[in-house]
């Protein structure tokens, strides 16, 4: 475990990075990663904020759902407009264990380590 701290400000990607060390994973691991570096992370983060429905549709398209839904994020934080609520993919059902294990076995990763404790 390292006591080195790395910080960044999601509002301004360059804030503070000039003064901080950035530690990237080994190249072979990075090559197969969904997020290939800080710029890729910031692009993904911006997409999740600016195009939330499209972002979550893309993320959830990679998962198995027993019951899907066309609904994304629905919310009302204005008590004057009615009950305050937050719903995400209302009506959808999935099995997290299936998505973590069985789905990956069916994708040909049955001989790979699934979890190290």
N, C-alpha and C. Protein backbone atom coordinates (compact mmCIF):
# COMPACT_ATOMS: atom_id res chain seq x y z
N UNK A 1 0.85 -1.18 0.00
CA UNK A 1 0.00 0.00 0.00
C UNK A 1 0.89 1.23 0.00
N UNK A 2 0.53 2.19 -0.81
CA UNK A 2 1.34 3.40 -0.93
C UNK A 2 0.68 4.55 -0.18
N UNK A 3 1.50 5.45 0.33
CA UNK A 3 0.94 6.63 0.98
C UNK A 3 1.01 7.83 0.04
N UNK A 4 1.35 7.60 -1.24
CA UNK A 4 1.38 8.67 -2.23
C UNK A 4 -0.05 9.02 -2.60
N UNK A 5 -0.35 10.29 -2.62
CA UNK A 5 -1.70 10.74 -2.94
C UNK A 5 -1.70 11.46 -4.28
N UNK A 6 -2.68 11.14 -5.09
CA UNK A 6 -2.85 11.79 -6.38
C UNK A 6 -4.20 12.48 -6.34
N UNK A 7 -4.24 13.73 -6.75
CA UNK A 7 -5.52 14.45 -6.73
C UNK A 7 -5.80 15.05 -8.09
N UNK A 8 -7.07 15.23 -8.38
CA UNK A 8 -7.46 15.97 -9.55
C UNK A 8 -8.84 16.53 -9.33
N UNK A 9 -9.14 17.57 -10.04
CA UNK A 9 -10.40 18.28 -9.92
C UNK A 9 -11.22 17.97 -11.16
N UNK A 10 -12.37 17.30 -11.00
CA UNK A 10 -13.17 16.91 -12.15
C UNK A 10 -13.73 18.11 -12.90
N UNK A 11 -13.90 19.22 -12.24
CA UNK A 11 -14.43 20.41 -12.90
C UNK A 11 -13.40 21.00 -13.86
N UNK A 12 -12.14 20.90 -13.52
CA UNK A 12 -11.07 21.43 -14.37
C UNK A 12 -9.96 20.40 -14.40
N UNK A 13 -9.92 19.60 -15.48
CA UNK A 13 -9.01 18.46 -15.54
C UNK A 13 -7.55 18.82 -15.31
N UNK A 14 -7.14 20.00 -15.67
CA UNK A 14 -5.73 20.35 -15.57
C UNK A 14 -5.37 20.92 -14.20
N UNK A 15 -6.35 21.28 -13.39
CA UNK A 15 -6.08 21.86 -12.08
C UNK A 15 -5.23 20.94 -11.22
N UNK A 16 -4.08 21.38 -10.86
CA UNK A 16 -3.24 20.66 -9.93
C UNK A 16 -2.43 19.53 -10.52
N UNK A 17 -2.70 19.12 -11.76
CA UNK A 17 -1.98 17.99 -12.32
C UNK A 17 -0.51 18.28 -12.59
N UNK A 18 -0.19 19.53 -12.84
CA UNK A 18 1.20 19.87 -13.12
C UNK A 18 2.09 19.60 -11.91
N UNK A 19 1.53 19.71 -10.72
CA UNK A 19 2.31 19.54 -9.50
C UNK A 19 2.23 18.13 -8.92
N UNK A 20 1.44 17.27 -9.52
CA UNK A 20 1.22 15.94 -8.98
C UNK A 20 1.84 14.88 -9.88
N UNK A 21 2.27 13.80 -9.28
CA UNK A 21 2.73 12.65 -10.03
C UNK A 21 1.51 11.87 -10.51
N UNK A 22 1.58 11.35 -11.71
CA UNK A 22 0.52 10.52 -12.26
C UNK A 22 1.10 9.12 -12.45
N UNK A 23 0.44 8.12 -11.90
CA UNK A 23 0.91 6.75 -11.99
C UNK A 23 -0.02 5.97 -12.90
N UNK A 24 0.49 5.55 -14.04
CA UNK A 24 -0.31 4.78 -14.99
C UNK A 24 -0.05 3.29 -14.78
N UNK A 25 -1.04 2.46 -15.09
CA UNK A 25 -0.84 1.01 -14.99
C UNK A 25 0.15 0.54 -16.06
N UNK A 26 0.64 -0.68 -15.95
CA UNK A 26 1.56 -1.21 -16.97
C UNK A 26 0.90 -1.19 -18.35
N UNK A 27 1.69 -1.00 -19.40
CA UNK A 27 1.18 -0.86 -20.77
C UNK A 27 0.27 -2.01 -21.21
N UNK A 28 0.60 -3.28 -20.94
CA UNK A 28 -0.30 -4.36 -21.38
C UNK A 28 -1.68 -4.27 -20.72
N UNK A 29 -1.73 -3.89 -19.47
CA UNK A 29 -3.00 -3.74 -18.77
C UNK A 29 -3.77 -2.54 -19.32
N UNK A 30 -3.07 -1.47 -19.57
CA UNK A 30 -3.68 -0.25 -20.10
C UNK A 30 -4.25 -0.48 -21.50
N UNK A 31 -3.56 -1.29 -22.31
CA UNK A 31 -3.97 -1.53 -23.69
C UNK A 31 -5.36 -2.16 -23.77
N UNK A 32 -5.72 -3.00 -22.82
CA UNK A 32 -7.02 -3.66 -22.85
C UNK A 32 -8.06 -3.01 -21.97
N UNK A 33 -7.76 -1.86 -21.41
CA UNK A 33 -8.67 -1.21 -20.46
C UNK A 33 -9.76 -0.40 -21.16
N UNK A 34 -10.90 -0.28 -20.51
CA UNK A 34 -11.98 0.58 -21.01
C UNK A 34 -11.57 2.05 -20.92
N UNK A 35 -10.80 2.38 -19.91
CA UNK A 35 -10.33 3.75 -19.70
C UNK A 35 -8.82 3.71 -19.83
N UNK A 36 -8.31 4.40 -20.86
CA UNK A 36 -6.89 4.25 -21.19
C UNK A 36 -5.99 5.32 -20.59
N UNK A 37 -6.53 6.17 -19.76
CA UNK A 37 -5.72 7.21 -19.14
C UNK A 37 -6.60 8.30 -18.58
N UNK A 38 -5.98 9.33 -18.03
CA UNK A 38 -6.75 10.42 -17.41
C UNK A 38 -7.63 11.15 -18.42
N UNK A 39 -7.12 11.40 -19.62
CA UNK A 39 -7.93 12.10 -20.62
C UNK A 39 -9.16 11.28 -20.98
N UNK A 40 -8.96 9.99 -21.16
CA UNK A 40 -10.07 9.09 -21.45
C UNK A 40 -11.09 9.10 -20.30
N UNK A 41 -10.59 9.10 -19.08
CA UNK A 41 -11.46 9.16 -17.90
C UNK A 41 -12.28 10.45 -17.90
N UNK A 42 -11.60 11.57 -18.14
CA UNK A 42 -12.30 12.86 -18.14
C UNK A 42 -13.34 12.92 -19.26
N UNK A 43 -13.03 12.37 -20.43
CA UNK A 43 -14.00 12.33 -21.53
C UNK A 43 -15.23 11.51 -21.13
N UNK A 44 -14.99 10.37 -20.50
CA UNK A 44 -16.08 9.51 -20.05
C UNK A 44 -16.91 10.21 -18.98
N UNK A 45 -16.24 10.87 -18.05
CA UNK A 45 -16.94 11.60 -16.99
C UNK A 45 -17.82 12.70 -17.59
N UNK A 46 -17.26 13.49 -18.51
CA UNK A 46 -18.03 14.56 -19.15
C UNK A 46 -19.26 14.00 -19.87
N UNK A 47 -19.07 12.89 -20.55
CA UNK A 47 -20.19 12.25 -21.23
C UNK A 47 -21.27 11.83 -20.24
N UNK A 48 -20.87 11.32 -19.07
CA UNK A 48 -21.84 10.89 -18.07
C UNK A 48 -22.64 12.06 -17.51
N UNK A 49 -22.06 13.25 -17.52
CA UNK A 49 -22.74 14.44 -17.02
C UNK A 49 -23.55 15.12 -18.12
N UNK A 50 -22.94 15.31 -19.28
CA UNK A 50 -23.58 16.07 -20.36
C UNK A 50 -24.59 15.27 -21.16
N UNK A 51 -24.42 13.96 -21.25
CA UNK A 51 -25.32 13.09 -22.02
C UNK A 51 -25.67 11.87 -21.18
N UNK A 52 -26.25 12.10 -20.02
CA UNK A 52 -26.46 11.03 -19.04
C UNK A 52 -27.26 9.85 -19.61
N UNK A 53 -28.37 10.11 -20.30
CA UNK A 53 -29.17 9.00 -20.82
C UNK A 53 -28.38 8.16 -21.82
N UNK A 54 -27.70 8.82 -22.75
CA UNK A 54 -26.90 8.09 -23.73
C UNK A 54 -25.77 7.31 -23.04
N UNK A 55 -25.12 7.94 -22.08
CA UNK A 55 -24.03 7.29 -21.34
C UNK A 55 -24.53 6.01 -20.67
N UNK A 56 -25.64 6.10 -19.94
CA UNK A 56 -26.13 4.93 -19.22
C UNK A 56 -26.72 3.88 -20.14
N UNK A 57 -27.29 4.29 -21.28
CA UNK A 57 -27.76 3.30 -22.26
C UNK A 57 -26.57 2.48 -22.77
N UNK A 58 -25.45 3.16 -23.02
CA UNK A 58 -24.24 2.48 -23.49
C UNK A 58 -23.72 1.52 -22.42
N UNK A 59 -23.64 1.99 -21.18
CA UNK A 59 -23.14 1.14 -20.09
C UNK A 59 -24.04 -0.07 -19.90
N UNK A 60 -25.34 0.15 -19.85
CA UNK A 60 -26.26 -0.97 -19.58
C UNK A 60 -26.39 -1.91 -20.77
N UNK A 61 -26.05 -1.46 -21.98
CA UNK A 61 -26.11 -2.35 -23.15
C UNK A 61 -25.09 -3.48 -23.03
N UNK A 62 -24.10 -3.31 -22.19
CA UNK A 62 -23.07 -4.34 -21.99
C UNK A 62 -23.47 -5.35 -20.92
N UNK A 63 -24.62 -5.17 -20.30
CA UNK A 63 -25.07 -6.05 -19.22
C UNK A 63 -26.30 -6.83 -19.64
N UNK A 64 -26.59 -7.89 -18.91
CA UNK A 64 -27.78 -8.70 -19.14
C UNK A 64 -28.90 -8.22 -18.21
N UNK A 65 -30.09 -8.05 -18.76
CA UNK A 65 -31.27 -7.71 -17.97
C UNK A 65 -32.36 -8.73 -18.25
N UNK A 66 -32.98 -9.26 -17.19
CA UNK A 66 -34.12 -10.14 -17.38
C UNK A 66 -35.30 -9.34 -17.91
N UNK A 67 -35.45 -8.13 -17.41
CA UNK A 67 -36.52 -7.22 -17.84
C UNK A 67 -35.88 -5.88 -18.11
N UNK A 68 -35.90 -5.44 -19.35
CA UNK A 68 -35.32 -4.15 -19.70
C UNK A 68 -36.30 -3.01 -19.49
N UNK A 69 -35.88 -1.83 -19.81
CA UNK A 69 -36.74 -0.65 -19.73
C UNK A 69 -36.20 0.41 -20.67
N UNK A 70 -37.07 1.27 -21.12
CA UNK A 70 -36.62 2.39 -21.97
C UNK A 70 -36.37 3.62 -21.11
N UNK A 71 -36.64 3.48 -19.82
CA UNK A 71 -36.48 4.62 -18.92
C UNK A 71 -35.03 4.74 -18.46
N UNK A 72 -34.56 5.94 -18.35
CA UNK A 72 -33.21 6.19 -17.84
C UNK A 72 -33.32 6.78 -16.44
N UNK A 73 -32.70 7.91 -16.26
CA UNK A 73 -32.74 8.60 -14.97
C UNK A 73 -33.93 9.54 -14.95
N UNK A 74 -34.80 9.36 -13.98
CA UNK A 74 -35.96 10.23 -13.79
C UNK A 74 -35.87 10.80 -12.38
N UNK A 75 -36.12 12.08 -12.25
CA UNK A 75 -36.02 12.67 -10.92
C UNK A 75 -36.82 13.96 -10.83
N UNK A 76 -37.13 14.32 -9.59
CA UNK A 76 -37.69 15.62 -9.28
C UNK A 76 -37.13 16.01 -7.91
N UNK A 77 -36.33 17.06 -7.90
CA UNK A 77 -35.78 17.55 -6.64
C UNK A 77 -36.47 18.84 -6.20
N UNK A 78 -37.50 19.24 -6.92
CA UNK A 78 -38.23 20.47 -6.62
C UNK A 78 -39.54 20.11 -5.91
N UNK A 79 -39.58 20.27 -4.59
CA UNK A 79 -40.76 19.91 -3.80
C UNK A 79 -42.00 20.69 -4.23
N UNK A 80 -41.80 21.87 -4.82
CA UNK A 80 -42.94 22.67 -5.29
C UNK A 80 -43.59 22.03 -6.52
N UNK A 81 -42.85 21.19 -7.22
CA UNK A 81 -43.36 20.55 -8.44
C UNK A 81 -43.95 19.17 -8.15
N UNK A 82 -43.96 18.76 -6.89
CA UNK A 82 -44.50 17.45 -6.53
C UNK A 82 -43.55 16.70 -5.61
N UNK A 83 -43.83 15.42 -5.46
CA UNK A 83 -43.00 14.58 -4.59
C UNK A 83 -41.56 14.55 -5.10
N UNK A 84 -40.63 14.62 -4.16
CA UNK A 84 -39.21 14.51 -4.51
C UNK A 84 -38.90 13.03 -4.70
N UNK A 85 -38.25 12.69 -5.82
CA UNK A 85 -37.91 11.30 -6.09
C UNK A 85 -36.73 11.21 -7.04
N UNK A 86 -36.15 10.04 -7.08
CA UNK A 86 -35.08 9.74 -8.02
C UNK A 86 -35.23 8.27 -8.41
N UNK A 87 -35.39 8.00 -9.69
CA UNK A 87 -35.53 6.63 -10.18
C UNK A 87 -34.51 6.41 -11.29
N UNK A 88 -33.92 5.24 -11.29
CA UNK A 88 -32.96 4.88 -12.33
C UNK A 88 -33.38 3.56 -12.95
N UNK A 89 -33.67 3.58 -14.24
CA UNK A 89 -34.08 2.40 -14.98
C UNK A 89 -35.28 1.73 -14.32
N UNK A 90 -36.27 2.52 -14.00
CA UNK A 90 -37.46 2.03 -13.31
C UNK A 90 -38.09 0.87 -14.07
N UNK A 91 -38.31 -0.23 -13.38
CA UNK A 91 -38.93 -1.41 -13.96
C UNK A 91 -37.95 -2.45 -14.46
N UNK A 92 -36.70 -2.10 -14.62
CA UNK A 92 -35.70 -3.06 -15.10
C UNK A 92 -35.31 -4.01 -13.97
N UNK A 93 -35.03 -5.26 -14.34
CA UNK A 93 -34.53 -6.22 -13.35
C UNK A 93 -33.31 -6.93 -13.93
N UNK A 94 -32.36 -7.19 -13.08
CA UNK A 94 -31.15 -7.90 -13.48
C UNK A 94 -30.67 -8.76 -12.32
N UNK A 95 -29.66 -9.55 -12.58
CA UNK A 95 -29.05 -10.38 -11.57
C UNK A 95 -27.56 -10.05 -11.59
N UNK A 96 -27.09 -9.37 -10.58
CA UNK A 96 -25.69 -8.93 -10.55
C UNK A 96 -24.74 -10.13 -10.59
N UNK A 97 -25.09 -11.21 -9.89
CA UNK A 97 -24.24 -12.40 -9.90
C UNK A 97 -24.10 -12.94 -11.32
N UNK A 98 -25.20 -12.97 -12.05
CA UNK A 98 -25.14 -13.44 -13.44
C UNK A 98 -24.21 -12.54 -14.25
N UNK A 99 -24.36 -11.23 -14.11
CA UNK A 99 -23.53 -10.31 -14.88
C UNK A 99 -22.05 -10.42 -14.52
N UNK A 100 -21.75 -10.67 -13.25
CA UNK A 100 -20.35 -10.77 -12.82
C UNK A 100 -19.72 -12.11 -13.19
N UNK A 101 -20.49 -13.18 -13.12
CA UNK A 101 -19.91 -14.52 -13.31
C UNK A 101 -20.41 -15.21 -14.59
N UNK A 102 -21.66 -15.63 -14.62
CA UNK A 102 -22.17 -16.44 -15.72
C UNK A 102 -21.99 -15.79 -17.09
N UNK A 103 -22.27 -14.52 -17.18
CA UNK A 103 -22.15 -13.81 -18.46
C UNK A 103 -20.72 -13.89 -18.97
N UNK A 104 -19.76 -13.76 -18.07
CA UNK A 104 -18.35 -13.81 -18.47
C UNK A 104 -17.90 -15.23 -18.79
N UNK A 105 -18.46 -16.22 -18.13
CA UNK A 105 -18.17 -17.61 -18.49
C UNK A 105 -18.65 -17.87 -19.91
N UNK A 106 -19.86 -17.42 -20.23
CA UNK A 106 -20.42 -17.60 -21.57
C UNK A 106 -19.64 -16.83 -22.63
N UNK A 107 -18.94 -15.78 -22.22
CA UNK A 107 -18.12 -15.00 -23.14
C UNK A 107 -16.73 -15.61 -23.32
N UNK A 108 -16.49 -16.76 -22.68
CA UNK A 108 -15.22 -17.45 -22.86
C UNK A 108 -14.17 -17.15 -21.80
N UNK A 109 -14.59 -16.52 -20.71
CA UNK A 109 -13.64 -16.18 -19.65
C UNK A 109 -13.76 -17.10 -18.44
N UNK A 110 -14.28 -18.30 -18.63
CA UNK A 110 -14.51 -19.22 -17.52
C UNK A 110 -13.24 -19.67 -16.82
N UNK A 111 -12.11 -19.62 -17.51
CA UNK A 111 -10.87 -20.05 -16.88
C UNK A 111 -10.08 -18.90 -16.27
N UNK A 112 -10.65 -17.71 -16.28
CA UNK A 112 -9.99 -16.53 -15.71
C UNK A 112 -10.39 -16.35 -14.25
N UNK A 113 -9.53 -15.75 -13.47
CA UNK A 113 -9.84 -15.46 -12.07
C UNK A 113 -10.93 -14.39 -12.03
N UNK A 114 -12.01 -14.67 -11.30
CA UNK A 114 -13.13 -13.74 -11.22
C UNK A 114 -12.99 -12.78 -10.05
N UNK A 115 -12.39 -13.25 -8.98
CA UNK A 115 -12.34 -12.43 -7.76
C UNK A 115 -11.19 -12.91 -6.90
N UNK A 116 -10.40 -11.98 -6.41
CA UNK A 116 -9.31 -12.31 -5.49
C UNK A 116 -9.59 -11.60 -4.18
N UNK A 117 -9.57 -12.34 -3.08
CA UNK A 117 -9.85 -11.75 -1.78
C UNK A 117 -8.63 -11.84 -0.92
